[in-house]
């Protein structure tokens, strides 16, 4: 698995899933009911999940995505090795009784 943030190798997530999204400038239907669409871009949203992180690993994983924008290099189902500039959405961290952490977040291509 390839997983680099800002060019640096970081802890690899337990799993992630890639959503491929088409962004439209406008979309409407004509009188025949046919869709007329102005696709302006295709972007990625990646749901990321870490499990069993120590306190230090959790801090490092969250610090790596703390900038307003960052680059992520990962295995993409369509393009293979892919690098995107992205930002992070809400981050959820759950402590385990063992003291380990699980974190989840989405990264969205800019």
N, C-alpha and C. Protein backbone atom coordinates (compact mmCIF):
# COMPACT_ATOMS: atom_id res chain seq x y z
N UNK A 1 0.85 -1.18 0.00
CA UNK A 1 0.00 0.00 0.00
C UNK A 1 0.89 1.24 0.00
N UNK A 2 0.58 2.16 -0.88
CA UNK A 2 1.28 3.45 -0.93
C UNK A 2 0.48 4.44 -0.10
N UNK A 3 1.14 5.15 0.80
CA UNK A 3 0.46 6.15 1.61
C UNK A 3 1.49 7.17 2.08
N UNK A 4 1.54 8.31 1.37
CA UNK A 4 2.47 9.38 1.72
C UNK A 4 1.71 10.70 1.84
N UNK A 5 2.04 11.45 2.85
CA UNK A 5 1.45 12.78 3.04
C UNK A 5 2.56 13.79 2.94
N UNK A 6 2.36 14.77 2.05
CA UNK A 6 3.39 15.78 1.76
C UNK A 6 4.73 15.14 1.43
N UNK A 7 4.70 14.02 0.73
CA UNK A 7 5.90 13.34 0.29
C UNK A 7 6.56 12.45 1.33
N UNK A 8 6.07 12.47 2.56
CA UNK A 8 6.69 11.69 3.64
C UNK A 8 5.91 10.40 3.87
N UNK A 9 6.63 9.30 4.08
CA UNK A 9 5.97 8.06 4.46
C UNK A 9 5.43 8.22 5.88
N UNK A 10 4.16 7.93 6.04
CA UNK A 10 3.50 8.02 7.35
C UNK A 10 2.81 6.70 7.62
N UNK A 11 2.30 6.54 8.84
CA UNK A 11 1.60 5.30 9.20
C UNK A 11 0.48 5.04 8.19
N UNK A 12 0.38 3.81 7.75
CA UNK A 12 -0.65 3.44 6.79
C UNK A 12 -1.95 3.15 7.53
N UNK A 13 -3.07 3.58 6.97
CA UNK A 13 -4.35 3.33 7.64
C UNK A 13 -4.71 1.85 7.63
N UNK A 14 -5.59 1.46 8.56
CA UNK A 14 -6.10 0.09 8.58
C UNK A 14 -6.87 -0.18 7.29
N UNK A 15 -7.62 0.81 6.84
CA UNK A 15 -8.30 0.71 5.54
C UNK A 15 -8.72 2.09 5.07
N UNK A 16 -8.99 2.16 3.78
CA UNK A 16 -9.53 3.38 3.20
C UNK A 16 -10.38 3.02 1.99
N UNK A 17 -11.30 3.90 1.65
CA UNK A 17 -12.12 3.70 0.46
C UNK A 17 -12.14 4.98 -0.36
N UNK A 18 -12.13 4.81 -1.67
CA UNK A 18 -12.04 5.94 -2.59
C UNK A 18 -13.39 6.15 -3.27
N UNK A 19 -13.93 7.36 -3.16
CA UNK A 19 -15.12 7.76 -3.91
C UNK A 19 -14.67 8.65 -5.05
N UNK A 20 -15.15 8.37 -6.25
CA UNK A 20 -14.83 9.18 -7.42
C UNK A 20 -16.08 9.99 -7.74
N UNK A 21 -15.94 11.32 -7.66
CA UNK A 21 -17.09 12.21 -7.75
C UNK A 21 -16.98 13.11 -8.98
N UNK A 22 -18.05 13.21 -9.74
CA UNK A 22 -18.13 14.19 -10.83
C UNK A 22 -18.74 15.46 -10.27
N UNK A 23 -18.11 16.59 -10.55
CA UNK A 23 -18.64 17.89 -10.14
C UNK A 23 -19.21 18.59 -11.35
N UNK A 24 -20.45 19.02 -11.23
CA UNK A 24 -21.13 19.70 -12.33
C UNK A 24 -21.21 21.19 -12.07
N UNK A 25 -21.00 21.98 -13.14
CA UNK A 25 -21.23 23.41 -13.06
C UNK A 25 -22.73 23.66 -13.07
N UNK A 26 -23.44 22.90 -13.89
CA UNK A 26 -24.90 22.97 -13.93
C UNK A 26 -25.42 21.66 -14.52
N UNK A 27 -26.64 21.36 -14.19
CA UNK A 27 -27.30 20.18 -14.75
C UNK A 27 -28.79 20.48 -14.80
N UNK A 28 -29.39 20.18 -15.93
CA UNK A 28 -30.82 20.42 -16.08
C UNK A 28 -31.36 19.44 -17.12
N UNK A 29 -32.66 19.37 -17.24
CA UNK A 29 -33.29 18.50 -18.23
C UNK A 29 -34.00 19.36 -19.28
N UNK A 30 -33.92 18.89 -20.52
CA UNK A 30 -34.61 19.62 -21.58
C UNK A 30 -36.07 19.15 -21.66
N UNK A 31 -36.80 19.63 -22.64
CA UNK A 31 -38.23 19.29 -22.76
C UNK A 31 -38.47 17.82 -23.06
N UNK A 32 -37.46 17.13 -23.56
CA UNK A 32 -37.58 15.69 -23.81
C UNK A 32 -37.18 14.85 -22.61
N UNK A 33 -36.78 15.52 -21.54
CA UNK A 33 -36.37 14.82 -20.33
C UNK A 33 -34.93 14.36 -20.33
N UNK A 34 -34.18 14.76 -21.37
CA UNK A 34 -32.76 14.38 -21.44
C UNK A 34 -31.93 15.28 -20.53
N UNK A 35 -31.00 14.67 -19.83
CA UNK A 35 -30.13 15.42 -18.93
C UNK A 35 -29.08 16.18 -19.74
N UNK A 36 -28.96 17.45 -19.46
CA UNK A 36 -27.91 18.30 -20.02
C UNK A 36 -27.01 18.66 -18.85
N UNK A 37 -25.75 18.33 -18.97
CA UNK A 37 -24.88 18.47 -17.81
C UNK A 37 -23.57 19.10 -18.23
N UNK A 38 -23.05 19.93 -17.34
CA UNK A 38 -21.78 20.60 -17.55
C UNK A 38 -20.80 20.09 -16.49
N UNK A 39 -20.16 18.95 -16.79
CA UNK A 39 -19.20 18.40 -15.83
C UNK A 39 -17.93 19.24 -15.89
N UNK A 40 -17.53 19.77 -14.73
CA UNK A 40 -16.36 20.64 -14.70
C UNK A 40 -15.13 19.95 -14.15
N UNK A 41 -15.30 18.87 -13.39
CA UNK A 41 -14.14 18.17 -12.83
C UNK A 41 -14.55 16.82 -12.28
N UNK A 42 -13.57 15.94 -12.15
CA UNK A 42 -13.74 14.67 -11.44
C UNK A 42 -12.76 14.69 -10.27
N UNK A 43 -13.27 14.51 -9.07
CA UNK A 43 -12.47 14.62 -7.85
C UNK A 43 -12.60 13.35 -7.02
N UNK A 44 -11.69 13.20 -6.06
CA UNK A 44 -11.69 12.05 -5.16
C UNK A 44 -12.05 12.48 -3.74
N UNK A 45 -12.79 11.62 -3.06
CA UNK A 45 -12.98 11.72 -1.61
C UNK A 45 -12.56 10.38 -1.04
N UNK A 46 -11.68 10.41 -0.05
CA UNK A 46 -11.13 9.17 0.50
C UNK A 46 -11.49 9.08 1.98
N UNK A 47 -12.24 8.05 2.34
CA UNK A 47 -12.58 7.78 3.74
C UNK A 47 -11.46 6.95 4.35
N UNK A 48 -10.87 7.45 5.42
CA UNK A 48 -9.67 6.85 6.01
C UNK A 48 -9.99 6.38 7.43
N UNK A 49 -9.46 5.21 7.79
CA UNK A 49 -9.67 4.68 9.15
C UNK A 49 -8.37 4.07 9.67
N UNK A 50 -7.99 4.52 10.85
CA UNK A 50 -6.86 3.94 11.58
C UNK A 50 -7.41 3.22 12.81
N UNK A 51 -6.74 2.14 13.21
CA UNK A 51 -7.13 1.40 14.41
C UNK A 51 -5.88 1.08 15.21
N UNK A 52 -6.03 0.97 16.52
CA UNK A 52 -4.94 0.50 17.39
C UNK A 52 -3.74 1.42 17.44
N UNK A 53 -3.97 2.73 17.38
CA UNK A 53 -2.86 3.68 17.43
C UNK A 53 -2.50 4.03 18.87
N UNK A 54 -1.22 4.10 19.14
CA UNK A 54 -0.79 4.62 20.44
C UNK A 54 -1.08 6.12 20.47
N UNK A 55 -0.95 6.72 21.64
CA UNK A 55 -1.17 8.17 21.76
C UNK A 55 -0.25 8.92 20.79
N UNK A 56 1.01 8.55 20.75
CA UNK A 56 1.99 9.22 19.87
C UNK A 56 1.62 9.03 18.40
N UNK A 57 1.25 7.80 18.01
CA UNK A 57 0.86 7.53 16.61
C UNK A 57 -0.38 8.32 16.22
N UNK A 58 -1.32 8.43 17.15
CA UNK A 58 -2.54 9.20 16.90
C UNK A 58 -2.19 10.67 16.68
N UNK A 59 -1.34 11.21 17.55
CA UNK A 59 -0.92 12.61 17.41
C UNK A 59 -0.22 12.82 16.07
N UNK A 60 0.68 11.92 15.70
CA UNK A 60 1.41 12.05 14.44
C UNK A 60 0.48 11.98 13.23
N UNK A 61 -0.48 11.06 13.27
CA UNK A 61 -1.42 10.92 12.15
C UNK A 61 -2.27 12.18 11.99
N UNK A 62 -2.71 12.76 13.10
CA UNK A 62 -3.51 13.98 13.03
C UNK A 62 -2.67 15.19 12.64
N UNK A 63 -1.44 15.24 13.11
CA UNK A 63 -0.54 16.34 12.76
C UNK A 63 -0.24 16.34 11.26
N UNK A 64 -0.11 15.17 10.66
CA UNK A 64 0.24 15.07 9.24
C UNK A 64 -0.83 15.69 8.34
N UNK A 65 -2.07 15.75 8.80
CA UNK A 65 -3.17 16.29 7.99
C UNK A 65 -3.68 17.62 8.52
N UNK A 66 -2.89 18.30 9.35
CA UNK A 66 -3.36 19.52 10.01
C UNK A 66 -3.27 20.78 9.15
N UNK A 67 -2.48 20.76 8.08
CA UNK A 67 -2.39 21.94 7.22
C UNK A 67 -3.72 22.16 6.49
N UNK A 68 -3.94 23.39 6.06
CA UNK A 68 -5.16 23.70 5.32
C UNK A 68 -5.28 22.82 4.07
N UNK A 69 -4.19 22.65 3.34
CA UNK A 69 -4.12 21.75 2.20
C UNK A 69 -2.83 20.94 2.30
N UNK A 70 -2.83 19.73 1.75
CA UNK A 70 -1.65 18.87 1.76
C UNK A 70 -1.75 17.92 0.58
N UNK A 71 -0.63 17.28 0.25
CA UNK A 71 -0.67 16.28 -0.82
C UNK A 71 -0.77 14.89 -0.21
N UNK A 72 -1.49 14.04 -0.89
CA UNK A 72 -1.64 12.64 -0.50
C UNK A 72 -1.32 11.78 -1.72
N UNK A 73 -0.40 10.84 -1.54
CA UNK A 73 -0.09 9.86 -2.57
C UNK A 73 -0.61 8.51 -2.08
N UNK A 74 -1.39 7.84 -2.90
CA UNK A 74 -2.06 6.60 -2.49
C UNK A 74 -2.33 5.74 -3.72
N UNK A 75 -2.80 4.52 -3.51
CA UNK A 75 -3.21 3.63 -4.60
C UNK A 75 -4.66 3.96 -4.97
N UNK A 76 -4.86 4.40 -6.20
CA UNK A 76 -6.18 4.76 -6.69
C UNK A 76 -6.72 3.62 -7.56
N UNK A 77 -8.01 3.28 -7.44
CA UNK A 77 -8.53 2.15 -8.22
C UNK A 77 -8.53 2.41 -9.72
N UNK A 78 -8.53 3.66 -10.14
CA UNK A 78 -8.60 4.01 -11.55
C UNK A 78 -7.23 4.36 -12.12
N UNK A 79 -6.44 5.12 -11.35
CA UNK A 79 -5.18 5.66 -11.87
C UNK A 79 -3.93 4.95 -11.36
N UNK A 80 -4.07 4.01 -10.44
CA UNK A 80 -2.89 3.40 -9.83
C UNK A 80 -2.31 4.38 -8.82
N UNK A 81 -0.98 4.49 -8.78
CA UNK A 81 -0.38 5.46 -7.85
C UNK A 81 -0.82 6.86 -8.25
N UNK A 82 -1.40 7.59 -7.30
CA UNK A 82 -1.99 8.89 -7.60
C UNK A 82 -1.64 9.87 -6.48
N UNK A 83 -1.34 11.10 -6.86
CA UNK A 83 -1.09 12.16 -5.89
C UNK A 83 -2.12 13.25 -6.10
N UNK A 84 -2.80 13.62 -5.01
CA UNK A 84 -3.79 14.70 -5.07
C UNK A 84 -3.46 15.75 -4.02
N UNK A 85 -3.89 16.96 -4.28
CA UNK A 85 -3.87 18.01 -3.26
C UNK A 85 -5.25 17.99 -2.64
N UNK A 86 -5.30 17.97 -1.31
CA UNK A 86 -6.58 17.77 -0.65
C UNK A 86 -6.65 18.52 0.68
N UNK A 87 -7.81 18.45 1.28
CA UNK A 87 -8.02 18.98 2.63
C UNK A 87 -8.77 17.91 3.41
N UNK A 88 -8.76 18.06 4.73
CA UNK A 88 -9.40 17.06 5.57
C UNK A 88 -10.74 17.59 6.08
N UNK A 89 -11.71 16.68 6.18
CA UNK A 89 -13.00 17.02 6.77
C UNK A 89 -12.94 16.81 8.28
N UNK A 90 -14.08 16.58 8.89
CA UNK A 90 -14.13 16.33 10.33
C UNK A 90 -13.34 15.08 10.67
N UNK A 91 -12.69 15.12 11.81
CA UNK A 91 -11.91 13.99 12.30
C UNK A 91 -12.58 13.44 13.56
N UNK A 92 -12.72 12.12 13.62
CA UNK A 92 -13.31 11.46 14.78
C UNK A 92 -12.27 10.56 15.41
N UNK A 93 -12.08 10.70 16.72
CA UNK A 93 -11.13 9.85 17.45
C UNK A 93 -11.87 9.14 18.57
N UNK A 94 -11.68 7.83 18.66
CA UNK A 94 -12.33 7.02 19.69
C UNK A 94 -11.27 6.29 20.50
N UNK A 95 -11.27 6.51 21.83
CA UNK A 95 -10.32 5.77 22.66
C UNK A 95 -10.83 4.35 22.93
N UNK A 96 -9.92 3.41 22.98
CA UNK A 96 -10.25 2.03 23.33
C UNK A 96 -9.93 1.82 24.81
N UNK A 97 -10.53 0.83 25.46
CA UNK A 97 -10.22 0.56 26.86
C UNK A 97 -8.74 0.25 27.09
N UNK A 98 -8.06 -0.20 26.05
CA UNK A 98 -6.63 -0.53 26.16
C UNK A 98 -5.75 0.71 26.15
N UNK A 99 -6.34 1.88 25.85
CA UNK A 99 -5.55 3.10 25.75
C UNK A 99 -5.18 3.44 24.32
N UNK A 100 -5.45 2.53 23.39
CA UNK A 100 -5.19 2.81 21.98
C UNK A 100 -6.29 3.71 21.42
N UNK A 101 -6.04 4.22 20.23
CA UNK A 101 -6.99 5.12 19.57
C UNK A 101 -7.38 4.58 18.20
N UNK A 102 -8.61 4.87 17.81
CA UNK A 102 -9.08 4.67 16.43
C UNK A 102 -9.47 6.06 15.92
N UNK A 103 -9.05 6.39 14.71
CA UNK A 103 -9.45 7.67 14.14
C UNK A 103 -10.02 7.45 12.73
N UNK A 104 -10.97 8.31 12.38
CA UNK A 104 -11.60 8.27 11.06
C UNK A 104 -11.68 9.70 10.54
N UNK A 105 -11.46 9.84 9.24
CA UNK A 105 -11.63 11.15 8.61
C UNK A 105 -11.76 10.96 7.10
N UNK A 106 -12.25 12.00 6.45
CA UNK A 106 -12.30 12.03 4.99
C UNK A 106 -11.31 13.06 4.49
N UNK A 107 -10.61 12.75 3.41
CA UNK A 107 -9.83 13.75 2.70
C UNK A 107 -10.53 13.98 1.36
N UNK A 108 -10.63 15.25 0.99
CA UNK A 108 -11.36 15.64 -0.20
C UNK A 108 -10.40 16.36 -1.14
N UNK A 109 -10.38 15.94 -2.39
CA UNK A 109 -9.48 16.57 -3.36
C UNK A 109 -9.89 18.02 -3.57
N UNK A 110 -8.88 18.87 -3.66
CA UNK A 110 -9.11 20.30 -3.82
C UNK A 110 -9.70 20.60 -5.19
